[in-house]
Amino acid sequence: DVVKSCVGTKFIGRWSDLAVKIALDAVETVMLTENGRT
C-alpha cells in the first residue's frame, strides 16, 4: 500500500500493482544482513 501510494502519482500509476511487486521483489532480493546490519 505504501509503495503504491508513492507510485500512484507517476506515469506508471496505471500499472501500479506490477510496479509495486517489482520494487518489493527487487529490494528483498538485494537485501543483505551481516552482523545485525542491513
Full PDB file with SEQRES, HELIX, SHEET, SSBOND, CRYST1, ORIGX, SCALE, CONECT and MASTER records, all heavy atoms in Angstrom:
SEQRES   1 A   38  ASP VAL VAL LYS SER CYS VAL GLY THR LYS PHE ILE GLY          
SEQRES   2 A   38  ARG TRP SER ASP LEU ALA VAL LYS ILE ALA LEU ASP ALA          
SEQRES   3 A   38  VAL GLU THR VAL MET LEU THR GLU ASN GLY ARG THR              
HELIX    1 AA1 VAL A    2  VAL A    7  1                                   6    
HELIX    2 AA2 PHE A   11  TRP A   15  5                                   5    
HELIX    3 AA3 SER A   16  VAL A   30  1                                  15    
CRYST1    1.000    1.000    1.000  90.00  90.00  90.00 P 1           1          
ORIGX1      1.000000  0.000000  0.000000        0.00000                         
ORIGX2      0.000000  1.000000  0.000000        0.00000                         
ORIGX3      0.000000  0.000000  1.000000        0.00000                         
SCALE1      1.000000  0.000000  0.000000        0.00000                         
SCALE2      0.000000  1.000000  0.000000        0.00000                         
SCALE3      0.000000  0.000000  1.000000        0.00000                         
ATOM      1  N   ASP A   1       0.830  -1.220   0.000  1.00  0.00           N  
ATOM      2  CA  ASP A   1       0.000   0.000   0.000  1.00  0.00           C  
ATOM      3  C   ASP A   1       0.856   1.259   0.000  1.00  0.00           C  
ATOM      4  O   ASP A   1       0.571   2.226  -0.703  1.00  0.00           O  
ATOM      5  CB  ASP A   1      -0.924   0.019   1.237  1.00  0.00           C  
ATOM      6  CG  ASP A   1      -2.110  -0.919   1.069  1.00  0.00           C  
ATOM      7  OD1 ASP A   1      -2.284  -1.400  -0.069  1.00  0.00           O  
ATOM      8  OD2 ASP A   1      -2.822  -1.184   2.048  1.00  0.00           O  
ATOM      9  N   VAL A   2       1.928   1.243   0.800  1.00  0.00           N  
ATOM     10  CA  VAL A   2       2.784   2.438   0.909  1.00  0.00           C  
ATOM     11  C   VAL A   2       3.480   2.706  -0.413  1.00  0.00           C  
ATOM     12  O   VAL A   2       3.481   3.828  -0.921  1.00  0.00           O  
ATOM     13  CB  VAL A   2       3.839   2.268   2.031  1.00  0.00           C  
ATOM     14  CG1 VAL A   2       4.683   3.521   2.150  1.00  0.00           C  
ATOM     15  CG2 VAL A   2       3.172   1.978   3.352  1.00  0.00           C  
ATOM     16  N   VAL A   3       4.070   1.653  -0.992  1.00  0.00           N  
ATOM     17  CA  VAL A   3       4.786   1.842  -2.264  1.00  0.00           C  
ATOM     18  C   VAL A   3       3.793   2.261  -3.347  1.00  0.00           C  
ATOM     19  O   VAL A   3       4.086   3.115  -4.191  1.00  0.00           O  
ATOM     20  CB  VAL A   3       5.549   0.557  -2.663  1.00  0.00           C  
ATOM     21  CG1 VAL A   3       6.314   0.774  -3.956  1.00  0.00           C  
ATOM     22  CG2 VAL A   3       6.507   0.145  -1.564  1.00  0.00           C  
ATOM     23  N   LYS A   4       2.567   1.685  -3.273  1.00  0.00           N  
ATOM     24  CA  LYS A   4       1.554   2.022  -4.292  1.00  0.00           C  
ATOM     25  C   LYS A   4       1.172   3.498  -4.219  1.00  0.00           C  
ATOM     26  O   LYS A   4       0.990   4.159  -5.244  1.00  0.00           O  
ATOM     27  CB  LYS A   4       0.311   1.146  -4.092  1.00  0.00           C  
ATOM     28  CG  LYS A   4      -0.656   1.206  -5.270  1.00  0.00           C  
ATOM     29  CD  LYS A   4      -1.874   0.336  -5.055  1.00  0.00           C  
ATOM     30  CE  LYS A   4      -1.564  -1.122  -5.211  1.00  0.00           C  
ATOM     31  NZ  LYS A   4      -2.748  -1.969  -5.133  1.00  0.00           N  
ATOM     32  N   SER A   5       1.061   4.040  -2.995  1.00  0.00           N  
ATOM     33  CA  SER A   5       0.673   5.456  -2.876  1.00  0.00           C  
ATOM     34  C   SER A   5       1.788   6.362  -3.403  1.00  0.00           C  
ATOM     35  O   SER A   5       1.528   7.464  -3.872  1.00  0.00           O  
ATOM     36  CB  SER A   5       0.334   5.805  -1.428  1.00  0.00           C  
ATOM     37  OG  SER A   5       1.467   5.676  -0.618  1.00  0.00           O  
ATOM     38  N   CYS A   6       3.045   5.896  -3.356  1.00  0.00           N  
ATOM     39  CA  CYS A   6       4.146   6.697  -3.905  1.00  0.00           C  
ATOM     40  C   CYS A   6       4.209   6.587  -5.428  1.00  0.00           C  
ATOM     41  O   CYS A   6       4.614   7.513  -6.109  1.00  0.00           O  
ATOM     42  CB  CYS A   6       5.468   6.243  -3.316  1.00  0.00           C  
ATOM     43  SG  CYS A   6       5.550   6.551  -1.541  1.00  0.00           S  
ATOM     44  N   VAL A   7       3.819   5.412  -5.963  1.00  0.00           N  
ATOM     45  CA  VAL A   7       3.848   5.212  -7.419  1.00  0.00           C  
ATOM     46  C   VAL A   7       2.601   5.821  -8.060  1.00  0.00           C  
ATOM     47  O   VAL A   7       2.603   6.164  -9.234  1.00  0.00           O  
ATOM     48  CB  VAL A   7       3.932   3.691  -7.730  1.00  0.00           C  
ATOM     49  CG1 VAL A   7       3.828   3.422  -9.210  1.00  0.00           C  
ATOM     50  CG2 VAL A   7       5.236   3.140  -7.210  1.00  0.00           C  
ATOM     51  N   GLY A   8       1.535   5.983  -7.260  1.00  0.00           N  
ATOM     52  CA  GLY A   8       0.254   6.457  -7.807  1.00  0.00           C  
ATOM     53  C   GLY A   8       0.329   7.826  -8.466  1.00  0.00           C  
ATOM     54  O   GLY A   8      -0.481   8.167  -9.326  1.00  0.00           O  
ATOM     55  N   THR A   9       1.324   8.644  -8.061  1.00  0.00           N  
ATOM     56  CA  THR A   9       1.425   9.997  -8.628  1.00  0.00           C  
ATOM     57  C   THR A   9       2.222  10.011  -9.922  1.00  0.00           C  
ATOM     58  O   THR A   9       2.415  11.048 -10.524  1.00  0.00           O  
ATOM     59  CB  THR A   9       2.123  10.943  -7.629  1.00  0.00           C  
ATOM     60  OG1 THR A   9       3.456  10.472  -7.435  1.00  0.00           O  
ATOM     61  CG2 THR A   9       1.411  10.974  -6.309  1.00  0.00           C  
ATOM     62  N   LYS A  10       2.703   8.837 -10.351  1.00  0.00           N  
ATOM     63  CA  LYS A  10       3.612   8.789 -11.509  1.00  0.00           C  
ATOM     64  C   LYS A  10       2.874   8.317 -12.752  1.00  0.00           C  
ATOM     65  O   LYS A  10       1.764   7.821 -12.697  1.00  0.00           O  
ATOM     66  CB  LYS A  10       4.774   7.824 -11.241  1.00  0.00           C  
ATOM     67  CG  LYS A  10       5.404   7.957  -9.876  1.00  0.00           C  
ATOM     68  CD  LYS A  10       6.349   9.128  -9.825  1.00  0.00           C  
ATOM     69  CE  LYS A  10       6.996   9.210  -8.461  1.00  0.00           C  
ATOM     70  NZ  LYS A  10       7.624  10.478  -8.212  1.00  0.00           N  
ATOM     71  N   PHE A  11       3.606   8.379 -13.863  1.00  0.00           N  
ATOM     72  CA  PHE A  11       3.089   7.891 -15.150  1.00  0.00           C  
ATOM     73  C   PHE A  11       2.790   6.395 -15.070  1.00  0.00           C  
ATOM     74  O   PHE A  11       1.846   5.905 -15.657  1.00  0.00           O  
ATOM     75  CB  PHE A  11       4.141   8.178 -16.233  1.00  0.00           C  
ATOM     76  CG  PHE A  11       3.922   7.443 -17.523  1.00  0.00           C  
ATOM     77  CD1 PHE A  11       3.012   7.924 -18.456  1.00  0.00           C  
ATOM     78  CD2 PHE A  11       4.612   6.276 -17.808  1.00  0.00           C  
ATOM     79  CE1 PHE A  11       2.803   7.240 -19.638  1.00  0.00           C  
ATOM     80  CE2 PHE A  11       4.407   5.595 -18.992  1.00  0.00           C  
ATOM     81  CZ  PHE A  11       3.500   6.083 -19.914  1.00  0.00           C  
ATOM     82  N   ILE A  12       3.625   5.671 -14.295  1.00  0.00           N  
ATOM     83  CA  ILE A  12       3.493   4.213 -14.206  1.00  0.00           C  
ATOM     84  C   ILE A  12       2.308   3.813 -13.324  1.00  0.00           C  
ATOM     85  O   ILE A  12       2.031   2.640 -13.130  1.00  0.00           O  
ATOM     86  CB  ILE A  12       4.821   3.612 -13.674  1.00  0.00           C  
ATOM     87  CG1 ILE A  12       4.976   2.157 -14.067  1.00  0.00           C  
ATOM     88  CG2 ILE A  12       4.938   3.771 -12.175  1.00  0.00           C  
ATOM     89  CD1 ILE A  12       6.301   1.552 -13.679  1.00  0.00           C  
ATOM     90  N   GLY A  13       1.597   4.817 -12.774  1.00  0.00           N  
ATOM     91  CA  GLY A  13       0.488   4.566 -11.843  1.00  0.00           C  
ATOM     92  C   GLY A  13      -0.559   3.589 -12.362  1.00  0.00           C  
ATOM     93  O   GLY A  13      -1.177   2.860 -11.595  1.00  0.00           O  
ATOM     94  N   ARG A  14      -0.752   3.551 -13.696  1.00  0.00           N  
ATOM     95  CA  ARG A  14      -1.767   2.633 -14.264  1.00  0.00           C  
ATOM     96  C   ARG A  14      -1.375   1.168 -14.052  1.00  0.00           C  
ATOM     97  O   ARG A  14      -2.214   0.289 -14.006  1.00  0.00           O  
ATOM     98  CB  ARG A  14      -1.917   2.894 -15.763  1.00  0.00           C  
ATOM     99  CG  ARG A  14      -2.697   4.160 -16.048  1.00  0.00           C  
ATOM    100  CD  ARG A  14      -2.521   4.625 -17.470  1.00  0.00           C  
ATOM    101  NE  ARG A  14      -2.801   3.570 -18.432  1.00  0.00           N  
ATOM    102  CZ  ARG A  14      -2.390   3.622 -19.707  1.00  0.00           C  
ATOM    103  NH1 ARG A  14      -1.685   4.641 -20.134  1.00  0.00           N  
ATOM    104  NH2 ARG A  14      -2.694   2.646 -20.546  1.00  0.00           N  
ATOM    105  N   TRP A  15      -0.070   0.939 -13.967  1.00  0.00           N  
ATOM    106  CA  TRP A  15       0.395  -0.437 -13.728  1.00  0.00           C  
ATOM    107  C   TRP A  15       0.948  -0.537 -12.311  1.00  0.00           C  
ATOM    108  O   TRP A  15       1.942  -1.211 -12.068  1.00  0.00           O  
ATOM    109  CB  TRP A  15       1.492  -0.795 -14.736  1.00  0.00           C  
ATOM    110  CG  TRP A  15       1.027  -0.788 -16.146  1.00  0.00           C  
ATOM    111  CD1 TRP A  15       0.407  -1.800 -16.818  1.00  0.00           C  
ATOM    112  CD2 TRP A  15       1.110   0.301 -17.076  1.00  0.00           C  
ATOM    113  NE1 TRP A  15       0.113  -1.414 -18.110  1.00  0.00           N  
ATOM    114  CE2 TRP A  15       0.536  -0.122 -18.295  1.00  0.00           C  
ATOM    115  CE3 TRP A  15       1.619   1.590 -16.998  1.00  0.00           C  
ATOM    116  CZ2 TRP A  15       0.455   0.690 -19.408  1.00  0.00           C  
ATOM    117  CZ3 TRP A  15       1.536   2.414 -18.112  1.00  0.00           C  
ATOM    118  CH2 TRP A  15       0.965   1.966 -19.303  1.00  0.00           C  
ATOM    119  N   SER A  16       0.305   0.155 -11.371  1.00  0.00           N  
ATOM    120  CA  SER A  16       0.898   0.281 -10.033  1.00  0.00           C  
ATOM    121  C   SER A  16       1.097  -1.077  -9.360  1.00  0.00           C  
ATOM    122  O   SER A  16       2.090  -1.284  -8.676  1.00  0.00           O  
ATOM    123  CB  SER A  16       0.070   1.207  -9.154  1.00  0.00           C  
ATOM    124  OG  SER A  16      -1.241   0.736  -9.052  1.00  0.00           O  
ATOM    125  N   ASP A  17       0.157  -2.023  -9.538  1.00  0.00           N  
ATOM    126  CA  ASP A  17       0.306  -3.338  -8.887  1.00  0.00           C  
ATOM    127  C   ASP A  17       1.591  -4.023  -9.334  1.00  0.00           C  
ATOM    128  O   ASP A  17       2.343  -4.573  -8.530  1.00  0.00           O  
ATOM    129  CB  ASP A  17      -0.889  -4.244  -9.211  1.00  0.00           C  
ATOM    130  CG  ASP A  17      -2.144  -3.772  -8.495  1.00  0.00           C  
ATOM    131  OD1 ASP A  17      -1.986  -3.027  -7.502  1.00  0.00           O  
ATOM    132  OD2 ASP A  17      -3.259  -4.110  -8.925  1.00  0.00           O  
ATOM    133  N   LEU A  18       1.837  -3.965 -10.652  1.00  0.00           N  
ATOM    134  CA  LEU A  18       3.033  -4.592 -11.218  1.00  0.00           C  
ATOM    135  C   LEU A  18       4.289  -3.889 -10.709  1.00  0.00           C  
ATOM    136  O   LEU A  18       5.260  -4.529 -10.291  1.00  0.00           O  
ATOM    137  CB  LEU A  18       2.976  -4.516 -12.749  1.00  0.00           C  
ATOM    138  CG  LEU A  18       4.198  -5.050 -13.490  1.00  0.00           C  
ATOM    139  CD1 LEU A  18       4.256  -6.554 -13.387  1.00  0.00           C  
ATOM    140  CD2 LEU A  18       4.181  -4.635 -14.954  1.00  0.00           C  
ATOM    141  N   ALA A  19       4.265  -2.543 -10.716  1.00  0.00           N  
ATOM    142  CA  ALA A  19       5.437  -1.757 -10.288  1.00  0.00           C  
ATOM    143  C   ALA A  19       5.766  -2.029  -8.823  1.00  0.00           C  
ATOM    144  O   ALA A  19       6.935  -2.176  -8.463  1.00  0.00           O  
ATOM    145  CB  ALA A  19       5.166  -0.267 -10.500  1.00  0.00           C  
ATOM    146  N   VAL A  20       4.733  -2.125  -7.993  1.00  0.00           N  
ATOM    147  CA  VAL A  20       4.934  -2.380  -6.558  1.00  0.00           C  
ATOM    148  C   VAL A  20       5.553  -3.755  -6.355  1.00  0.00           C  
ATOM    149  O   VAL A  20       6.503  -3.926  -5.577  1.00  0.00           O  
ATOM    150  CB  VAL A  20       3.587  -2.289  -5.814  1.00  0.00           C  
ATOM    151  CG1 VAL A  20       3.704  -2.812  -4.399  1.00  0.00           C  
ATOM    152  CG2 VAL A  20       3.101  -0.848  -5.787  1.00  0.00           C  
ATOM    153  N   LYS A  21       5.035  -4.740  -7.082  1.00  0.00           N  
ATOM    154  CA  LYS A  21       5.546  -6.114  -6.960  1.00  0.00           C  
ATOM    155  C   LYS A  21       7.017  -6.158  -7.376  1.00  0.00           C  
ATOM    156  O   LYS A  21       7.855  -6.752  -6.695  1.00  0.00           O  
ATOM    157  CB  LYS A  21       4.703  -7.041  -7.851  1.00  0.00           C  
ATOM    158  CG  LYS A  21       5.002  -8.510  -7.663  1.00  0.00           C  
ATOM    159  CD  LYS A  21       4.007  -9.356  -8.469  1.00  0.00           C  
ATOM    160  CE  LYS A  21       4.383 -10.826  -8.420  1.00  0.00           C  
ATOM    161  NZ  LYS A  21       5.716 -11.127  -8.939  1.00  0.00           N  
ATOM    162  N   ILE A  22       7.338  -5.483  -8.494  1.00  0.00           N  
ATOM    163  CA  ILE A  22       8.724  -5.461  -8.983  1.00  0.00           C  
ATOM    164  C   ILE A  22       9.633  -4.807  -7.946  1.00  0.00           C  
ATOM    165  O   ILE A  22      10.697  -5.333  -7.606  1.00  0.00           O  
ATOM    166  CB  ILE A  22       8.808  -4.697 -10.338  1.00  0.00           C  
ATOM    167  CG1 ILE A  22       8.206  -5.554 -11.448  1.00  0.00           C  
ATOM    168  CG2 ILE A  22      10.238  -4.310 -10.673  1.00  0.00           C  
ATOM    169  CD1 ILE A  22       8.147  -4.876 -12.801  1.00  0.00           C  
ATOM    170  N   ALA A  23       9.197  -3.648  -7.413  1.00  0.00           N  
ATOM    171  CA  ALA A  23      10.034  -2.903  -6.462  1.00  0.00           C  
ATOM    172  C   ALA A  23      10.307  -3.730  -5.207  1.00  0.00           C  
ATOM    173  O   ALA A  23      11.457  -3.833  -4.764  1.00  0.00           O  
ATOM    174  CB  ALA A  23       9.360  -1.583  -6.093  1.00  0.00           C  
ATOM    175  N   LEU A  24       9.259  -4.330  -4.644  1.00  0.00           N  
ATOM    176  CA  LEU A  24       9.440  -5.090  -3.396  1.00  0.00           C  
ATOM    177  C   LEU A  24      10.277  -6.352  -3.625  1.00  0.00           C  
ATOM    178  O   LEU A  24      11.129  -6.700  -2.808  1.00  0.00           O  
ATOM    179  CB  LEU A  24       8.087  -5.446  -2.781  1.00  0.00           C  
ATOM    180  CG  LEU A  24       7.352  -4.265  -2.146  1.00  0.00           C  
ATOM    181  CD1 LEU A  24       5.949  -4.667  -1.721  1.00  0.00           C  
ATOM    182  CD2 LEU A  24       8.100  -3.715  -0.939  1.00  0.00           C  
ATOM    183  N   ASP A  25      10.039  -7.028  -4.781  1.00  0.00           N  
ATOM    184  CA  ASP A  25      10.829  -8.230  -5.097  1.00  0.00           C  
ATOM    185  C   ASP A  25      12.311  -7.888  -5.208  1.00  0.00           C  
ATOM    186  O   ASP A  25      13.169  -8.579  -4.670  1.00  0.00           O  
ATOM    187  CB  ASP A  25      10.365  -8.847  -6.438  1.00  0.00           C  
ATOM    188  CG  ASP A  25       9.146  -9.729  -6.241  1.00  0.00           C  
ATOM    189  OD1 ASP A  25       8.689  -9.813  -5.091  1.00  0.00           O  
ATOM    190  OD2 ASP A  25       8.644 -10.312  -7.221  1.00  0.00           O  
ATOM    191  N   ALA A  26      12.587  -6.796  -5.938  1.00  0.00           N  
ATOM    192  CA  ALA A  26      13.980  -6.410  -6.174  1.00  0.00           C  
ATOM    193  C   ALA A  26      14.676  -6.047  -4.866  1.00  0.00           C  
ATOM    194  O   ALA A  26      15.810  -6.468  -4.615  1.00  0.00           O  
ATOM    195  CB  ALA A  26      14.042  -5.232  -7.142  1.00  0.00           C  
ATOM    196  N   VAL A  27      13.991  -5.301  -4.014  1.00  0.00           N  
ATOM    197  CA  VAL A  27      14.611  -4.869  -2.753  1.00  0.00           C  
ATOM    198  C   VAL A  27      14.844  -6.067  -1.834  1.00  0.00           C  
ATOM    199  O   VAL A  27      15.891  -6.183  -1.196  1.00  0.00           O  
ATOM    200  CB  VAL A  27      13.738  -3.790  -2.062  1.00  0.00           C  
ATOM    201  CG1 VAL A  27      14.189  -3.566  -0.633  1.00  0.00           C  
ATOM    202  CG2 VAL A  27      13.819  -2.490  -2.831  1.00  0.00           C  
ATOM    203  N   GLU A  28      13.875  -6.987  -1.792  1.00  0.00           N  
ATOM    204  CA  GLU A  28      14.050  -8.179  -0.954  1.00  0.00           C  
ATOM    205  C   GLU A  28      15.217  -9.034  -1.452  1.00  0.00           C  
ATOM    206  O   GLU A  28      15.969  -9.622  -0.672  1.00  0.00           O  
ATOM    207  CB  GLU A  28      12.767  -9.017  -0.958  1.00  0.00           C  
ATOM    208  CG  GLU A  28      11.788  -8.575   0.118  1.00  0.00           C  
ATOM    209  CD  GLU A  28      10.472  -9.344   0.045  1.00  0.00           C  
ATOM    210  OE1 GLU A  28      10.495 -10.492  -0.427  1.00  0.00           O  
ATOM    211  OE2 GLU A  28       9.444  -8.795   0.440  1.00  0.00           O  
ATOM    212  N   THR A  29      15.367  -9.091  -2.782  1.00  0.00           N  
ATOM    213  CA  THR A  29      16.437  -9.913  -3.364  1.00  0.00           C  
ATOM    214  C   THR A  29      17.808  -9.368  -2.994  1.00  0.00           C  
ATOM    215  O   THR A  29      18.703 -10.124  -2.622  1.00  0.00           O  
ATOM    216  CB  THR A  29      16.299  -9.958  -4.904  1.00  0.00           C  
ATOM    217  OG1 THR A  29      14.989 -10.409  -5.239  1.00  0.00           O  
ATOM    218  CG2 THR A  29      17.310 -10.899  -5.523  1.00  0.00           C  
ATOM    219  N   VAL A  30      17.999  -8.045  -3.086  1.00  0.00           N  
ATOM    220  CA  VAL A  30      19.350  -7.496  -2.869  1.00  0.00           C  
ATOM    221  C   VAL A  30      19.634  -7.174  -1.394  1.00  0.00           C  
ATOM    222  O   VAL A  30      20.710  -6.706  -1.074  1.00  0.00           O  
ATOM    223  CB  VAL A  30      19.619  -6.229  -3.724  1.00  0.00           C  
ATOM    224  CG1 VAL A  30      19.463  -6.532  -5.190  1.00  0.00           C  
ATOM    225  CG2 VAL A  30      18.720  -5.070  -3.333  1.00  0.00           C  
ATOM    226  N   MET A  31      18.674  -7.436  -0.529  1.00  0.00           N  
ATOM    227  CA  MET A  31      18.886  -7.133   0.895  1.00  0.00           C  
ATOM    228  C   MET A  31      19.897  -8.120   1.505  1.00  0.00           C  
ATOM    229  O   MET A  31      19.766  -9.318   1.355  1.00  0.00           O  
ATOM    230  CB  MET A  31      17.553  -7.214   1.656  1.00  0.00           C  
ATOM    231  CG  MET A  31      17.688  -6.774   3.097  1.00  0.00           C  
ATOM    232  SD  MET A  31      16.129  -6.246   3.819  1.00  0.00           S  
ATOM    233  CE  MET A  31      15.227  -7.748   3.877  1.00  0.00           C  
ATOM    234  N   LEU A  32      20.909  -7.554   2.161  1.00  0.00           N  
ATOM    235  CA  LEU A  32      21.968  -8.375   2.730  1.00  0.00           C  
ATOM    236  C   LEU A  32      22.102  -8.020   4.209  1.00  0.00           C  
ATOM    237  O   LEU A  32      22.267  -6.853   4.558  1.00  0.00           O  
ATOM    238  CB  LEU A  32      23.281  -8.056   1.998  1.00  0.00           C  
ATOM    239  CG  LEU A  32      24.440  -9.021   2.183  1.00  0.00           C  
ATOM    240  CD1 LEU A  32      24.102 -10.374   1.596  1.00  0.00           C  
ATOM    241  CD2 LEU A  32      25.696  -8.466   1.511  1.00  0.00           C  
ATOM    242  N   THR A  33      21.998  -9.008   5.082  1.00  0.00           N  
ATOM    243  CA  THR A  33      22.126  -8.736   6.519  1.00  0.00           C  
ATOM    244  C   THR A  33      23.383  -9.403   7.048  1.00  0.00           C  
ATOM    245  O   THR A  33      23.537 -10.626   6.948  1.00  0.00           O  
ATOM    246  CB  THR A  33      20.892  -9.262   7.283  1.00  0.00           C  
ATOM    247  OG1 THR A  33      19.726  -8.736   6.657  1.00  0.00           O  
ATOM    248  CG2 THR A  33      20.912  -8.829   8.724  1.00  0.00           C  
ATOM    249  N   GLU A  34      24.300  -8.595   7.570  1.00  0.00           N  
ATOM    250  CA  GLU A  34      25.550  -9.118   8.133  1.00  0.00           C  
ATOM    251  C   GLU A  34      25.786  -8.482   9.496  1.00  0.00           C  
ATOM    252  O   GLU A  34      25.711  -7.258   9.628  1.00  0.00           O  
ATOM    253  CB  GLU A  34      26.736  -8.783   7.214  1.00  0.00           C  
ATOM    254  CG  GLU A  34      26.845  -9.704   6.023  1.00  0.00           C  
ATOM    255  CD  GLU A  34      28.017  -9.331   5.122  1.00  0.00           C  
ATOM    256  OE1 GLU A  34      28.631  -8.284   5.369  1.00  0.00           O  
ATOM    257  OE2 GLU A  34      28.293 -10.088   4.185  1.00  0.00           O  
ATOM    258  N   ASN A  35      26.075  -9.305  10.487  1.00  0.00           N  
ATOM    259  CA  ASN A  35      26.353  -8.831  11.857  1.00  0.00           C  
ATOM    260  C   ASN A  35      25.259  -7.885  12.375  1.00  0.00           C  
ATOM    261  O   ASN A  35      25.554  -6.842  12.962  1.00  0.00           O  
ATOM    262  CB  ASN A  35      27.707  -8.107  11.911  1.00  0.00           C  
ATOM    263  CG  ASN A  35      28.823  -8.982  11.391  1.00  0.00           C  
ATOM    264  OD1 ASN A  35      28.731 -10.197  11.514  1.00  0.00           O  
ATOM    265  ND2 ASN A  35      29.836  -8.381  10.809  1.00  0.00           N  
ATOM    266  N   GLY A  36      24.009  -8.212  12.050  1.00  0.00           N  
ATOM    267  CA  GLY A  36      22.895  -7.386  12.539  1.00  0.00           C  
ATOM    268  C   GLY A  36      22.668  -6.103  11.754  1.00  0.00           C  
ATOM    269  O   GLY A  36      21.748  -5.349  12.041  1.00  0.00           O  
ATOM    270  N   ARG A  37      23.536  -5.824  10.755  1.00  0.00           N  
ATOM    271  CA  ARG A  37      23.360  -4.615   9.935  1.00  0.00           C  
ATOM    272  C   ARG A  37      22.737  -4.990   8.602  1.00  0.00           C  
ATOM    273  O   ARG A  37      23.139  -5.968   7.969  1.00  0.00           O  
ATOM    274  CB  ARG A  37      24.708  -3.916   9.680  1.00  0.00           C  
ATOM    275  CG  ARG A  37      25.210  -3.110  10.870  1.00  0.00           C  
ATOM    276  CD  ARG A  37      26.551  -2.450  10.590  1.00  0.00           C  
ATOM    277  NE  ARG A  37      26.435  -1.449   9.547  1.00  0.00           N  
ATOM    278  CZ  ARG A  37      27.036  -1.543   8.370  1.00  0.00           C  
ATOM    279  NH1 ARG A  37      27.745  -2.605   8.059  1.00  0.00           N  
ATOM    280  NH2 ARG A  37      26.909  -0.578   7.486  1.00  0.00           N  
ATOM    281  N   THR A  38      21.744  -4.198   8.177  1.00  0.00           N  
ATOM    282  CA  THR A  38      21.090  -4.475   6.907  1.00  0.00           C  
ATOM    283  C   THR A  38      21.626  -3.517   5.844  1.00  0.00           C  
ATOM    284  O   THR A  38      21.681  -2.315   6.054  1.00  0.00           O  
ATOM    285  CB  THR A  38      19.559  -4.285   7.031  1.00  0.00           C  
ATOM    286  OG1 THR A  38      19.105  -5.113   8.089  1.00  0.00           O  
ATOM    287  CG2 THR A  38      18.855  -4.680   5.760  1.00  0.00           C  
TER     288      THR A  38                                                      
MASTER        0    0    0    3    0    0    0    6  287    1    0    3          
END                                                                             
